[in-house]
Amino acid sequence: AAMIDRMDQGIGRMIEALRQAGELDNTLIVFLSDNGASPEDAMRYG
């Protein structure tokens, strides 16, 4: 959750940068994920 929260904070700063540059209204922003959440047990990879 913390990793997602920090990512969202950065997206907020991107939105603000667009607003300050006067570009927000004419910018298409899309957000998505590359796949579902991972079921992997990464500890076993070593």
PDB file of all heavy atoms in Angstrom:
ATOM      1  N   ALA A   1       0.833  -1.214   0.000  1.00  0.00           N
ATOM      2  CA  ALA A   1       0.000   0.000   0.000  1.00  0.00           C
ATOM      3  C   ALA A   1       0.860   1.254   0.000  1.00  0.00           C
ATOM      4  O   ALA A   1       0.551   2.238  -0.697  1.00  0.00           O
ATOM      5  CB  ALA A   1      -0.916  -0.015   1.224  1.00  0.00           C
ATOM      6  N   ALA A   2       1.940   1.241   0.783  1.00  0.00           N
ATOM      7  CA  ALA A   2       2.823   2.401   0.859  1.00  0.00           C
ATOM      8  C   ALA A   2       3.461   2.707  -0.496  1.00  0.00           C
ATOM      9  O   ALA A   2       3.629   3.878  -0.871  1.00  0.00           O
ATOM     10  CB  ALA A   2       3.906   2.157   1.907  1.00  0.00           C
ATOM     11  N   MET A   3       3.800   1.674  -1.249  1.00  0.00           N
ATOM     12  CA  MET A   3       4.398   1.870  -2.567  1.00  0.00           C
ATOM     13  C   MET A   3       3.409   2.532  -3.529  1.00  0.00           C
ATOM     14  O   MET A   3       3.763   3.412  -4.316  1.00  0.00           O
ATOM     15  CB  MET A   3       4.872   0.523  -3.129  1.00  0.00           C
ATOM     16  CG  MET A   3       5.992  -0.114  -2.321  1.00  0.00           C
ATOM     17  SD  MET A   3       6.343  -1.833  -2.784  1.00  0.00           S
ATOM     18  CE  MET A   3       7.274  -1.575  -4.295  1.00  0.00           C
ATOM     19  N   ILE A   4       2.148   2.121  -3.438  1.00  0.00           N
ATOM     20  CA  ILE A   4       1.104   2.721  -4.273  1.00  0.00           C
ATOM     21  C   ILE A   4       0.835   4.155  -3.831  1.00  0.00           C
ATOM     22  O   ILE A   4       0.662   5.052  -4.664  1.00  0.00           O
ATOM     23  CB  ILE A   4      -0.174   1.859  -4.213  1.00  0.00           C
ATOM     24  CG1 ILE A   4       0.093   0.481  -4.822  1.00  0.00           C
ATOM     25  CG2 ILE A   4      -1.344   2.551  -4.912  1.00  0.00           C
ATOM     26  CD1 ILE A   4      -1.004  -0.538  -4.559  1.00  0.00           C
ATOM     27  N   ASP A   5       0.793   4.376  -2.544  1.00  0.00           N
ATOM     28  CA  ASP A   5       0.579   5.711  -1.986  1.00  0.00           C
ATOM     29  C   ASP A   5       1.654   6.675  -2.483  1.00  0.00           C
ATOM     30  O   ASP A   5       1.363   7.800  -2.939  1.00  0.00           O
ATOM     31  CB  ASP A   5       0.610   5.600  -0.458  1.00  0.00           C
ATOM     32  CG  ASP A   5       0.223   6.884   0.261  1.00  0.00           C
ATOM     33  OD1 ASP A   5       0.774   7.954  -0.071  1.00  0.00           O
ATOM     34  OD2 ASP A   5      -0.618   6.818   1.177  1.00  0.00           O
ATOM     35  N   ARG A   6       2.917   6.243  -2.455  1.00  0.00           N
ATOM     36  CA  ARG A   6       4.016   7.113  -2.902  1.00  0.00           C
ATOM     37  C   ARG A   6       3.921   7.383  -4.409  1.00  0.00           C
ATOM     38  O   ARG A   6       4.192   8.499  -4.857  1.00  0.00           O
ATOM     39  CB  ARG A   6       5.349   6.459  -2.553  1.00  0.00           C
ATOM     40  CG  ARG A   6       6.585   7.215  -3.010  1.00  0.00           C
ATOM     41  CD  ARG A   6       6.724   8.609  -2.414  1.00  0.00           C
ATOM     42  NE  ARG A   6       6.816   8.633  -0.981  1.00  0.00           N
ATOM     43  CZ  ARG A   6       7.343   9.636  -0.264  1.00  0.00           C
ATOM     44  NH1 ARG A   6       7.849  10.704  -0.882  1.00  0.00           N
ATOM     45  NH2 ARG A   6       7.351   9.591   1.044  1.00  0.00           N
ATOM     46  N   MET A   7       3.535   6.381  -5.169  1.00  0.00           N
ATOM     47  CA  MET A   7       3.326   6.584  -6.605  1.00  0.00           C
ATOM     48  C   MET A   7       2.241   7.635  -6.832  1.00  0.00           C
ATOM     49  O   MET A   7       2.396   8.535  -7.668  1.00  0.00           O
ATOM     50  CB  MET A   7       2.925   5.266  -7.276  1.00  0.00           C
ATOM     51  CG  MET A   7       2.554   5.387  -8.743  1.00  0.00           C
ATOM     52  SD  MET A   7       2.139   3.777  -9.496  1.00  0.00           S
ATOM     53  CE  MET A   7       0.642   3.361  -8.570  1.00  0.00           C
ATOM     54  N   ASP A   8       1.146   7.546  -6.095  1.00  0.00           N
ATOM     55  CA  ASP A   8       0.065   8.519  -6.237  1.00  0.00           C
ATOM     56  C   ASP A   8       0.520   9.924  -5.865  1.00  0.00           C
ATOM     57  O   ASP A   8       0.133  10.908  -6.514  1.00  0.00           O
ATOM     58  CB  ASP A   8      -1.127   8.104  -5.363  1.00  0.00           C
ATOM     59  CG  ASP A   8      -2.296   9.058  -5.490  1.00  0.00           C
ATOM     60  OD1 ASP A   8      -3.076   8.930  -6.457  1.00  0.00           O
ATOM     61  OD2 ASP A   8      -2.415   9.972  -4.641  1.00  0.00           O
ATOM     62  N   GLN A   9       1.345  10.033  -4.842  1.00  0.00           N
ATOM     63  CA  GLN A   9       1.879  11.353  -4.481  1.00  0.00           C
ATOM     64  C   GLN A   9       2.631  11.969  -5.665  1.00  0.00           C
ATOM     65  O   GLN A   9       2.500  13.162  -5.951  1.00  0.00           O
ATOM     66  CB  GLN A   9       2.815  11.224  -3.282  1.00  0.00           C
ATOM     67  CG  GLN A   9       2.140  10.831  -1.975  1.00  0.00           C
ATOM     68  CD  GLN A   9       3.150  10.605  -0.870  1.00  0.00           C
ATOM     69  OE1 GLN A   9       4.075  11.409  -0.672  1.00  0.00           O
ATOM     70  NE2 GLN A   9       3.016   9.511  -0.138  1.00  0.00           N
ATOM     71  N   GLY A  10       3.433  11.159  -6.338  1.00  0.00           N
ATOM     72  CA  GLY A  10       4.163  11.653  -7.499  1.00  0.00           C
ATOM     73  C   GLY A  10       3.236  12.062  -8.629  1.00  0.00           C
ATOM     74  O   GLY A  10       3.476  13.075  -9.317  1.00  0.00           O
ATOM     75  N   ILE A  11       2.167  11.299  -8.833  1.00  0.00           N
ATOM     76  CA  ILE A  11       1.193  11.656  -9.866  1.00  0.00           C
ATOM     77  C   ILE A  11       0.546  12.996  -9.534  1.00  0.00           C
ATOM     78  O   ILE A  11       0.312  13.824 -10.423  1.00  0.00           O
ATOM     79  CB  ILE A  11       0.145  10.535 -10.021  1.00  0.00           C
ATOM     80  CG1 ILE A  11       0.807   9.295 -10.633  1.00  0.00           C
ATOM     81  CG2 ILE A  11      -1.036  10.992 -10.880  1.00  0.00           C
ATOM     82  CD1 ILE A  11      -0.060   8.053 -10.622  1.00  0.00           C
ATOM     83  N   GLY A  12       0.294  13.224  -8.254  1.00  0.00           N
ATOM     84  CA  GLY A  12      -0.232  14.525  -7.849  1.00  0.00           C
ATOM     85  C   GLY A  12       0.711  15.665  -8.193  1.00  0.00           C
ATOM     86  O   GLY A  12       0.271  16.742  -8.633  1.00  0.00           O
ATOM     87  N   ARG A  13       2.000  15.436  -8.025  1.00  0.00           N
ATOM     88  CA  ARG A  13       2.974  16.476  -8.379  1.00  0.00           C
ATOM     89  C   ARG A  13       3.054  16.682  -9.896  1.00  0.00           C
ATOM     90  O   ARG A  13       3.285  17.793 -10.364  1.00  0.00           O
ATOM     91  CB  ARG A  13       4.340  16.125  -7.785  1.00  0.00           C
ATOM     92  CG  ARG A  13       4.343  16.169  -6.253  1.00  0.00           C
ATOM     93  CD  ARG A  13       5.728  16.124  -5.659  1.00  0.00           C
ATOM     94  NE  ARG A  13       6.374  14.836  -5.799  1.00  0.00           N
ATOM     95  CZ  ARG A  13       7.486  14.614  -6.483  1.00  0.00           C
ATOM     96  NH1 ARG A  13       8.071  15.625  -7.128  1.00  0.00           N
ATOM     97  NH2 ARG A  13       8.018  13.416  -6.548  1.00  0.00           N
ATOM     98  N   MET A  14       2.853  15.616 -10.656  1.00  0.00           N
ATOM     99  CA  MET A  14       2.793  15.764 -12.115  1.00  0.00           C
ATOM    100  C   MET A  14       1.584  16.601 -12.526  1.00  0.00           C
ATOM    101  O   MET A  14       1.683  17.474 -13.401  1.00  0.00           O
ATOM    102  CB  MET A  14       2.724  14.388 -12.784  1.00  0.00           C
ATOM    103  CG  MET A  14       3.949  13.527 -12.627  1.00  0.00           C
ATOM    104  SD  MET A  14       3.684  11.885 -13.382  1.00  0.00           S
ATOM    105  CE  MET A  14       4.619  10.853 -12.254  1.00  0.00           C
ATOM    106  N   ILE A  15       0.449  16.334 -11.900  1.00  0.00           N
ATOM    107  CA  ILE A  15      -0.761  17.114 -12.192  1.00  0.00           C
ATOM    108  C   ILE A  15      -0.526  18.585 -11.884  1.00  0.00           C
ATOM    109  O   ILE A  15      -0.891  19.473 -12.669  1.00  0.00           O
ATOM    110  CB  ILE A  15      -1.955  16.570 -11.377  1.00  0.00           C
ATOM    111  CG1 ILE A  15      -2.328  15.159 -11.845  1.00  0.00           C
ATOM    112  CG2 ILE A  15      -3.164  17.503 -11.493  1.00  0.00           C
ATOM    113  CD1 ILE A  15      -3.325  14.454 -10.947  1.00  0.00           C
ATOM    114  N   GLU A  16       0.118  18.860 -10.759  1.00  0.00           N
ATOM    115  CA  GLU A  16       0.384  20.250 -10.379  1.00  0.00           C
ATOM    116  C   GLU A  16       1.355  20.911 -11.357  1.00  0.00           C
ATOM    117  O   GLU A  16       1.200  22.085 -11.700  1.00  0.00           O
ATOM    118  CB  GLU A  16       0.940  20.306  -8.958  1.00  0.00           C
ATOM    119  CG  GLU A  16       1.204  21.706  -8.438  1.00  0.00           C
ATOM    120  CD  GLU A  16      -0.026  22.604  -8.444  1.00  0.00           C
ATOM    121  OE1 GLU A  16      -1.165  22.072  -8.327  1.00  0.00           O
ATOM    122  OE2 GLU A  16       0.143  23.841  -8.569  1.00  0.00           O
ATOM    123  N   ALA A  17       2.345  20.156 -11.832  1.00  0.00           N
ATOM    124  CA  ALA A  17       3.278  20.712 -12.821  1.00  0.00           C
ATOM    125  C   ALA A  17       2.545  21.074 -14.108  1.00  0.00           C
ATOM    126  O   ALA A  17       2.813  22.123 -14.720  1.00  0.00           O
ATOM    127  CB  ALA A  17       4.391  19.703 -13.109  1.00  0.00           C
ATOM    128  N   LEU A  18       1.619  20.246 -14.521  1.00  0.00           N
ATOM    129  CA  LEU A  18       0.803  20.555 -15.705  1.00  0.00           C
ATOM    130  C   LEU A  18      -0.042  21.796 -15.471  1.00  0.00           C
ATOM    131  O   LEU A  18      -0.169  22.661 -16.339  1.00  0.00           O
ATOM    132  CB  LEU A  18      -0.091  19.365 -16.050  1.00  0.00           C
ATOM    133  CG  LEU A  18       0.593  18.142 -16.652  1.00  0.00           C
ATOM    134  CD1 LEU A  18      -0.338  16.938 -16.607  1.00  0.00           C
ATOM    135  CD2 LEU A  18       1.025  18.416 -18.092  1.00  0.00           C
ATOM    136  N   ARG A  19      -0.613  21.896 -14.282  1.00  0.00           N
ATOM    137  CA  ARG A  19      -1.467  23.049 -13.963  1.00  0.00           C
ATOM    138  C   ARG A  19      -0.643  24.339 -13.982  1.00  0.00           C
ATOM    139  O   ARG A  19      -1.064  25.353 -14.561  1.00  0.00           O
ATOM    140  CB  ARG A  19      -2.127  22.839 -12.594  1.00  0.00           C
ATOM    141  CG  ARG A  19      -3.091  23.959 -12.197  1.00  0.00           C
ATOM    142  CD  ARG A  19      -3.745  23.696 -10.858  1.00  0.00           C
ATOM    143  NE  ARG A  19      -4.742  22.638 -10.945  1.00  0.00           N
ATOM    144  CZ  ARG A  19      -4.645  21.445 -10.365  1.00  0.00           C
ATOM    145  NH1 ARG A  19      -3.570  21.133  -9.654  1.00  0.00           N
ATOM    146  NH2 ARG A  19      -5.610  20.546 -10.486  1.00  0.00           N
ATOM    147  N   GLN A  20       0.528  24.306 -13.372  1.00  0.00           N
ATOM    148  CA  GLN A  20       1.371  25.498 -13.331  1.00  0.00           C
ATOM    149  C   GLN A  20       1.865  25.901 -14.712  1.00  0.00           C
ATOM    150  O   GLN A  20       2.056  27.088 -14.992  1.00  0.00           O
ATOM    151  CB  GLN A  20       2.548  25.265 -12.389  1.00  0.00           C
ATOM    152  CG  GLN A  20       2.157  25.178 -10.922  1.00  0.00           C
ATOM    153  CD  GLN A  20       3.355  25.022 -10.013  1.00  0.00           C
ATOM    154  OE1 GLN A  20       4.496  25.090 -10.449  1.00  0.00           O
ATOM    155  NE2 GLN A  20       3.088  24.825  -8.717  1.00  0.00           N
ATOM    156  N   ALA A  21       2.013  24.917 -15.595  1.00  0.00           N
ATOM    157  CA  ALA A  21       2.476  25.205 -16.954  1.00  0.00           C
ATOM    158  C   ALA A  21       1.331  25.606 -17.875  1.00  0.00           C
ATOM    159  O   ALA A  21       1.565  25.932 -19.044  1.00  0.00           O
ATOM    160  CB  ALA A  21       3.191  23.986 -17.522  1.00  0.00           C
ATOM    161  N   GLY A  22       0.102  25.572 -17.364  1.00  0.00           N
ATOM    162  CA  GLY A  22      -1.058  25.908 -18.187  1.00  0.00           C
ATOM    163  C   GLY A  22      -1.418  24.825 -19.189  1.00  0.00           C
ATOM    164  O   GLY A  22      -2.103  25.097 -20.186  1.00  0.00           O
ATOM    165  N   GLU A  23      -0.988  23.594 -18.929  1.00  0.00           N
ATOM    166  CA  GLU A  23      -1.189  22.508 -19.883  1.00  0.00           C
ATOM    167  C   GLU A  23      -2.222  21.477 -19.428  1.00  0.00           C
ATOM    168  O   GLU A  23      -2.554  20.564 -20.197  1.00  0.00           O
ATOM    169  CB  GLU A  23       0.144  21.781 -20.125  1.00  0.00           C
ATOM    170  CG  GLU A  23       1.226  22.640 -20.742  1.00  0.00           C
ATOM    171  CD  GLU A  23       0.994  22.919 -22.219  1.00  0.00           C
ATOM    172  OE1 GLU A  23       0.084  22.314 -22.811  1.00  0.00           O
ATOM    173  OE2 GLU A  23       1.733  23.755 -22.790  1.00  0.00           O
ATOM    174  N   LEU A  24      -2.754  21.611 -18.218  1.00  0.00           N
ATOM    175  CA  LEU A  24      -3.572  20.537 -17.664  1.00  0.00           C
ATOM    176  C   LEU A  24      -4.845  20.286 -18.469  1.00  0.00           C
ATOM    177  O   LEU A  24      -5.206  19.132 -18.736  1.00  0.00           O
ATOM    178  CB  LEU A  24      -3.920  20.842 -16.199  1.00  0.00           C
ATOM    179  CG  LEU A  24      -4.704  19.753 -15.453  1.00  0.00           C
ATOM    180  CD1 LEU A  24      -3.916  18.451 -15.420  1.00  0.00           C
ATOM    181  CD2 LEU A  24      -5.024  20.210 -14.027  1.00  0.00           C
ATOM    182  N   ASP A  25      -5.529  21.342 -18.872  1.00  0.00           N
ATOM    183  CA  ASP A  25      -6.816  21.174 -19.536  1.00  0.00           C
ATOM    184  C   ASP A  25      -6.711  20.466 -20.875  1.00  0.00           C
ATOM    185  O   ASP A  25      -7.655  19.787 -21.306  1.00  0.00           O
ATOM    186  CB  ASP A  25      -7.503  22.530 -19.734  1.00  0.00           C
ATOM    187  CG  ASP A  25      -8.095  23.073 -18.441  1.00  0.00           C
ATOM    188  OD1 ASP A  25      -8.105  22.328 -17.444  1.00  0.00           O
ATOM    189  OD2 ASP A  25      -8.539  24.235 -18.434  1.00  0.00           O
ATOM    190  N   ASN A  26      -5.585  20.623 -21.541  1.00  0.00           N
ATOM    191  CA  ASN A  26      -5.439  19.990 -22.851  1.00  0.00           C
ATOM    192  C   ASN A  26      -4.424  18.858 -22.822  1.00  0.00           C
ATOM    193  O   ASN A  26      -3.682  18.626 -23.768  1.00  0.00           O
ATOM    194  CB  ASN A  26      -5.047  21.004 -23.928  1.00  0.00           C
ATOM    195  CG  ASN A  26      -5.299  20.466 -25.339  1.00  0.00           C
ATOM    196  OD1 ASN A  26      -6.244  19.706 -25.565  1.00  0.00           O
ATOM    197  ND2 ASN A  26      -4.467  20.861 -26.286  1.00  0.00           N
ATOM    198  N   THR A  27      -4.407  18.129 -21.720  1.00  0.00           N
ATOM    199  CA  THR A  27      -3.559  16.944 -21.602  1.00  0.00           C
ATOM    200  C   THR A  27      -4.428  15.731 -21.294  1.00  0.00           C
ATOM    201  O   THR A  27      -5.182  15.735 -20.318  1.00  0.00           O
ATOM    202  CB  THR A  27      -2.508  17.113 -20.498  1.00  0.00           C
ATOM    203  OG1 THR A  27      -1.655  18.222 -20.818  1.00  0.00           O
ATOM    204  CG2 THR A  27      -1.655  15.860 -20.354  1.00  0.00           C
ATOM    205  N   LEU A  28      -4.329  14.726 -22.150  1.00  0.00           N
ATOM    206  CA  LEU A  28      -4.965  13.445 -21.876  1.00  0.00           C
ATOM    207  C   LEU A  28      -4.038  12.639 -20.967  1.00  0.00           C
ATOM    208  O   LEU A  28      -2.884  12.386 -21.317  1.00  0.00           O
ATOM    209  CB  LEU A  28      -5.208  12.676 -23.177  1.00  0.00           C
ATOM    210  CG  LEU A  28      -5.641  11.209 -23.034  1.00  0.00           C
ATOM    211  CD1 LEU A  28      -6.981  11.094 -22.321  1.00  0.00           C
ATOM    212  CD2 LEU A  28      -5.681  10.508 -24.389  1.00  0.00           C
ATOM    213  N   ILE A  29      -4.542  12.280 -19.791  1.00  0.00           N
ATOM    214  CA  ILE A  29      -3.796  11.444 -18.856  1.00  0.00           C
ATOM    215  C   ILE A  29      -4.539  10.119 -18.729  1.00  0.00           C
ATOM    216  O   ILE A  29      -5.737  10.099 -18.438  1.00  0.00           O
ATOM    217  CB  ILE A  29      -3.671  12.096 -17.468  1.00  0.00           C
ATOM    218  CG1 ILE A  29      -3.035  13.490 -17.569  1.00  0.00           C
ATOM    219  CG2 ILE A  29      -2.853  11.205 -16.532  1.00  0.00           C
ATOM    220  CD1 ILE A  29      -3.030  14.251 -16.245  1.00  0.00           C
ATOM    221  N   VAL A  30      -3.843   9.029 -18.969  1.00  0.00           N
ATOM    222  CA  VAL A  30      -4.446   7.720 -18.747  1.00  0.00           C
ATOM    223  C   VAL A  30      -3.605   6.965 -17.729  1.00  0.00           C
ATOM    224  O   VAL A  30      -2.375   7.097 -17.688  1.00  0.00           O
ATOM    225  CB  VAL A  30      -4.595   6.908 -20.049  1.00  0.00           C
ATOM    226  CG1 VAL A  30      -5.569   7.581 -20.992  1.00  0.00           C
ATOM    227  CG2 VAL A  30      -3.268   6.685 -20.733  1.00  0.00           C
ATOM    228  N   PHE A  31      -4.274   6.196 -16.908  1.00  0.00           N
ATOM    229  CA  PHE A  31      -3.613   5.406 -15.860  1.00  0.00           C
ATOM    230  C   PHE A  31      -4.150   3.992 -15.914  1.00  0.00           C
ATOM    231  O   PHE A  31      -5.365   3.780 -15.987  1.00  0.00           O
ATOM    232  CB  PHE A  31      -3.866   6.008 -14.472  1.00  0.00           C
ATOM    233  CG  PHE A  31      -3.326   5.158 -13.348  1.00  0.00           C
ATOM    234  CD1 PHE A  31      -2.032   5.324 -12.907  1.00  0.00           C
ATOM    235  CD2 PHE A  31      -4.115   4.173 -12.764  1.00  0.00           C
ATOM    236  CE1 PHE A  31      -1.521   4.513 -11.887  1.00  0.00           C
ATOM    237  CE2 PHE A  31      -3.619   3.361 -11.749  1.00  0.00           C
ATOM    238  CZ  PHE A  31      -2.313   3.534 -11.307  1.00  0.00           C
ATOM    239  N   LEU A  32      -3.237   3.019 -15.835  1.00  0.00           N
ATOM    240  CA  LEU A  32      -3.639   1.608 -15.839  1.00  0.00           C
ATOM    241  C   LEU A  32      -2.533   0.764 -15.226  1.00  0.00           C
ATOM    242  O   LEU A  32      -1.508   1.289 -14.785  1.00  0.00           O
ATOM    243  CB  LEU A  32      -3.939   1.137 -17.261  1.00  0.00           C
ATOM    244  CG  LEU A  32      -2.736   0.893 -18.193  1.00  0.00           C
ATOM    245  CD1 LEU A  32      -3.141  -0.068 -19.322  1.00  0.00           C
ATOM    246  CD2 LEU A  32      -2.228   2.195 -18.787  1.00  0.00           C
ATOM    247  N   SER A  33      -2.734  -0.553 -15.216  1.00  0.00           N
ATOM    248  CA  SER A  33      -1.736  -1.496 -14.713  1.00  0.00           C
ATOM    249  C   SER A  33      -1.361  -2.486 -15.810  1.00  0.00           C
ATOM    250  O   SER A  33      -2.171  -2.789 -16.690  1.00  0.00           O
ATOM    251  CB  SER A  33      -2.276  -2.258 -13.506  1.00  0.00           C
ATOM    252  OG  SER A  33      -1.317  -3.188 -13.014  1.00  0.00           O
ATOM    253  N   ASP A  34      -0.151  -3.011 -15.736  1.00  0.00           N
ATOM    254  CA  ASP A  34       0.317  -3.925 -16.780  1.00  0.00           C
ATOM    255  C   ASP A  34      -0.232  -5.337 -16.647  1.00  0.00           C
ATOM    256  O   ASP A  34      -0.219  -6.115 -17.606  1.00  0.00           O
ATOM    257  CB  ASP A  34       1.848  -3.953 -16.836  1.00  0.00           C
ATOM    258  CG  ASP A  34       2.491  -4.478 -15.557  1.00  0.00           C
ATOM    259  OD1 ASP A  34       1.808  -4.555 -14.514  1.00  0.00           O
ATOM    260  OD2 ASP A  34       3.698  -4.802 -15.599  1.00  0.00           O
ATOM    261  N   ASN A  35      -0.704  -5.704 -15.470  1.00  0.00           N
ATOM    262  CA  ASN A  35      -1.283  -7.035 -15.231  1.00  0.00           C
ATOM    263  C   ASN A  35      -1.900  -7.036 -13.849  1.00  0.00           C
ATOM    264  O   ASN A  35      -1.829  -6.047 -13.113  1.00  0.00           O
ATOM    265  CB  ASN A  35      -0.225  -8.144 -15.360  1.00  0.00           C
ATOM    266  CG  ASN A  35       1.094  -7.850 -14.680  1.00  0.00           C
ATOM    267  OD1 ASN A  35       2.104  -7.645 -15.345  1.00  0.00           O
ATOM    268  ND2 ASN A  35       1.093  -7.785 -13.356  1.00  0.00           N
ATOM    269  N   GLY A  36      -2.520  -8.148 -13.471  1.00  0.00           N
ATOM    270  CA  GLY A  36      -3.039  -8.260 -12.120  1.00  0.00           C
ATOM    271  C   GLY A  36      -1.925  -8.322 -11.097  1.00  0.00           C
ATOM    272  O   GLY A  36      -0.739  -8.460 -11.434  1.00  0.00           O
ATOM    273  N   ALA A  37      -2.302  -8.201  -9.826  1.00  0.00           N
ATOM    274  CA  ALA A  37      -1.306  -8.289  -8.755  1.00  0.00           C
ATOM    275  C   ALA A  37      -0.596  -9.636  -8.811  1.00  0.00           C
ATOM    276  O   ALA A  37      -1.153 -10.650  -9.242  1.00  0.00           O
ATOM    277  CB  ALA A  37      -1.981  -8.098  -7.403  1.00  0.00           C
ATOM    278  N   SER A  38       0.652  -9.647  -8.360  1.00  0.00           N
ATOM    279  CA  SER A  38       1.495 -10.832  -8.493  1.00  0.00           C
ATOM    280  C   SER A  38       1.302 -11.808  -7.327  1.00  0.00           C
ATOM    281  O   SER A  38       1.400 -11.415  -6.158  1.00  0.00           O
ATOM    282  CB  SER A  38       2.969 -10.426  -8.555  1.00  0.00           C
ATOM    283  OG  SER A  38       3.790 -11.579  -8.520  1.00  0.00           O
ATOM    284  N   PRO A  39       1.095 -13.099  -7.640  1.00  0.00           N
ATOM    285  CA  PRO A  39       0.994 -14.109  -6.581  1.00  0.00           C
ATOM    286  C   PRO A  39       2.340 -14.710  -6.204  1.00  0.00           C
ATOM    287  O   PRO A  39       2.404 -15.627  -5.379  1.00  0.00           O
ATOM    288  CB  PRO A  39       0.111 -15.171  -7.244  1.00  0.00           C
ATOM    289  CG  PRO A  39       0.542 -15.132  -8.681  1.00  0.00           C
ATOM    290  CD  PRO A  39       0.848 -13.669  -8.971  1.00  0.00           C
ATOM    291  N   GLU A  40       3.419 -14.212  -6.784  1.00  0.00           N
ATOM    292  CA  GLU A  40       4.725 -14.836  -6.631  1.00  0.00           C
ATOM    293  C   GLU A  40       5.250 -14.792  -5.193  1.00  0.00           C
ATOM    294  O   GLU A  40       4.983 -13.848  -4.456  1.00  0.00           O
ATOM    295  CB  GLU A  40       5.738 -14.140  -7.550  1.00  0.00           C
ATOM    296  CG  GLU A  40       5.446 -14.305  -9.030  1.00  0.00           C
ATOM    297  CD  GLU A  40       6.231 -13.308  -9.868  1.00  0.00           C
ATOM    298  OE1 GLU A  40       5.762 -12.170 -10.021  1.00  0.00           O
ATOM    299  OE2 GLU A  40       7.312 -13.688 -10.367  1.00  0.00           O
ATOM    300  N   ASP A  41       5.991 -15.812  -4.845  1.00  0.00           N
ATOM    301  CA  ASP A  41       6.751 -15.838  -3.597  1.00  0.00           C
ATOM    302  C   ASP A  41       8.198 -15.506  -3.957  1.00  0.00           C
ATOM    303  O   ASP A  41       9.023 -16.393  -4.198  1.00  0.00           O
ATOM    304  CB  ASP A  41       6.637 -17.226  -2.956  1.00  0.00           C
ATOM    305  CG  ASP A  41       7.322 -17.292  -1.592  1.00  0.00           C
ATOM    306  OD1 ASP A  41       8.048 -16.340  -1.246  1.00  0.00           O
ATOM    307  OD2 ASP A  41       7.147 -18.302  -0.894  1.00  0.00           O
ATOM    308  N   ALA A  42       8.484 -14.212  -4.031  1.00  0.00           N
ATOM    309  CA  ALA A  42       9.789 -13.765  -4.512  1.00  0.00           C
ATOM    310  C   ALA A  42      10.927 -14.205  -3.587  1.00  0.00           C
ATOM    311  O   ALA A  42      12.084 -14.278  -4.021  1.00  0.00           O
ATOM    312  CB  ALA A  42       9.801 -12.244  -4.652  1.00  0.00           C
ATOM    313  N   MET A  43      10.608 -14.494  -2.337  1.00  0.00           N
ATOM    314  CA  MET A  43      11.653 -14.914  -1.405  1.00  0.00           C
ATOM    315  C   MET A  43      12.303 -16.222  -1.854  1.00  0.00           C
ATOM    316  O   MET A  43      13.495 -16.458  -1.621  1.00  0.00           O
ATOM    317  CB  MET A  43      11.082 -15.074  -0.002  1.00  0.00           C
ATOM    318  CG  MET A  43      10.616 -13.774   0.634  1.00  0.00           C
ATOM    319  SD  MET A  43       8.931 -13.295   0.161  1.00  0.00           S
ATOM    320  CE  MET A  43       7.962 -14.278   1.295  1.00  0.00           C
ATOM    321  N   ARG A  44      11.512 -17.076  -2.509  1.00  0.00           N
ATOM    322  CA  ARG A  44      12.028 -18.381  -2.936  1.00  0.00           C
ATOM    323  C   ARG A  44      12.925 -18.284  -4.165  1.00  0.00           C
ATOM    324  O   ARG A  44      13.636 -19.234  -4.480  1.00  0.00           O
ATOM    325  CB  ARG A  44      10.868 -19.345  -3.191  1.00  0.00           C
ATOM    326  CG  ARG A  44      10.091 -19.661  -1.921  1.00  0.00           C
ATOM    327  CD  ARG A  44       9.103 -20.805  -2.093  1.00  0.00           C
ATOM    328  NE  ARG A  44       8.372 -21.033  -0.858  1.00  0.00           N
ATOM    329  CZ  ARG A  44       8.826 -21.752   0.164  1.00  0.00           C
ATOM    330  NH1 ARG A  44      10.024 -22.324   0.081  1.00  0.00           N
ATOM    331  NH2 ARG A  44       8.108 -21.904   1.262  1.00  0.00           N
ATOM    332  N   TYR A  45      12.895 -17.180  -4.857  1.00  0.00           N
ATOM    333  CA  TYR A  45      13.764 -17.028  -6.025  1.00  0.00           C
ATOM    334  C   TYR A  45      15.230 -16.934  -5.619  1.00  0.00           C
ATOM    335  O   TYR A  45      16.114 -17.468  -6.293  1.00  0.00           O
ATOM    336  CB  TYR A  45      13.387 -15.776  -6.823  1.00  0.00           C
ATOM    337  CG  TYR A  45      12.035 -15.824  -7.490  1.00  0.00           C
ATOM    338  CD1 TYR A  45      11.329 -14.657  -7.738  1.00  0.00           C
ATOM    339  CD2 TYR A  45      11.459 -17.028  -7.881  1.00  0.00           C
ATOM    340  CE1 TYR A  45      10.086 -14.670  -8.359  1.00  0.00           C
ATOM    341  CE2 TYR A  45      10.221 -17.059  -8.502  1.00  0.00           C
ATOM    342  CZ  TYR A  45       9.533 -15.882  -8.741  1.00  0.00           C
ATOM    343  OH  TYR A  45       8.321 -15.906  -9.356  1.00  0.00           O
ATOM    344  N   GLY A  46      15.487 -16.224  -4.531  1.00  0.00           N
ATOM    345  CA  GLY A  46      16.866 -16.026  -4.103  1.00  0.00           C
ATOM    346  C   GLY A  46      17.631 -15.136  -5.060  1.00  0.00           C
ATOM    347  O   GLY A  46      17.110 -14.679  -6.076  1.00  0.00           O
TER     348      GLY A  46
END
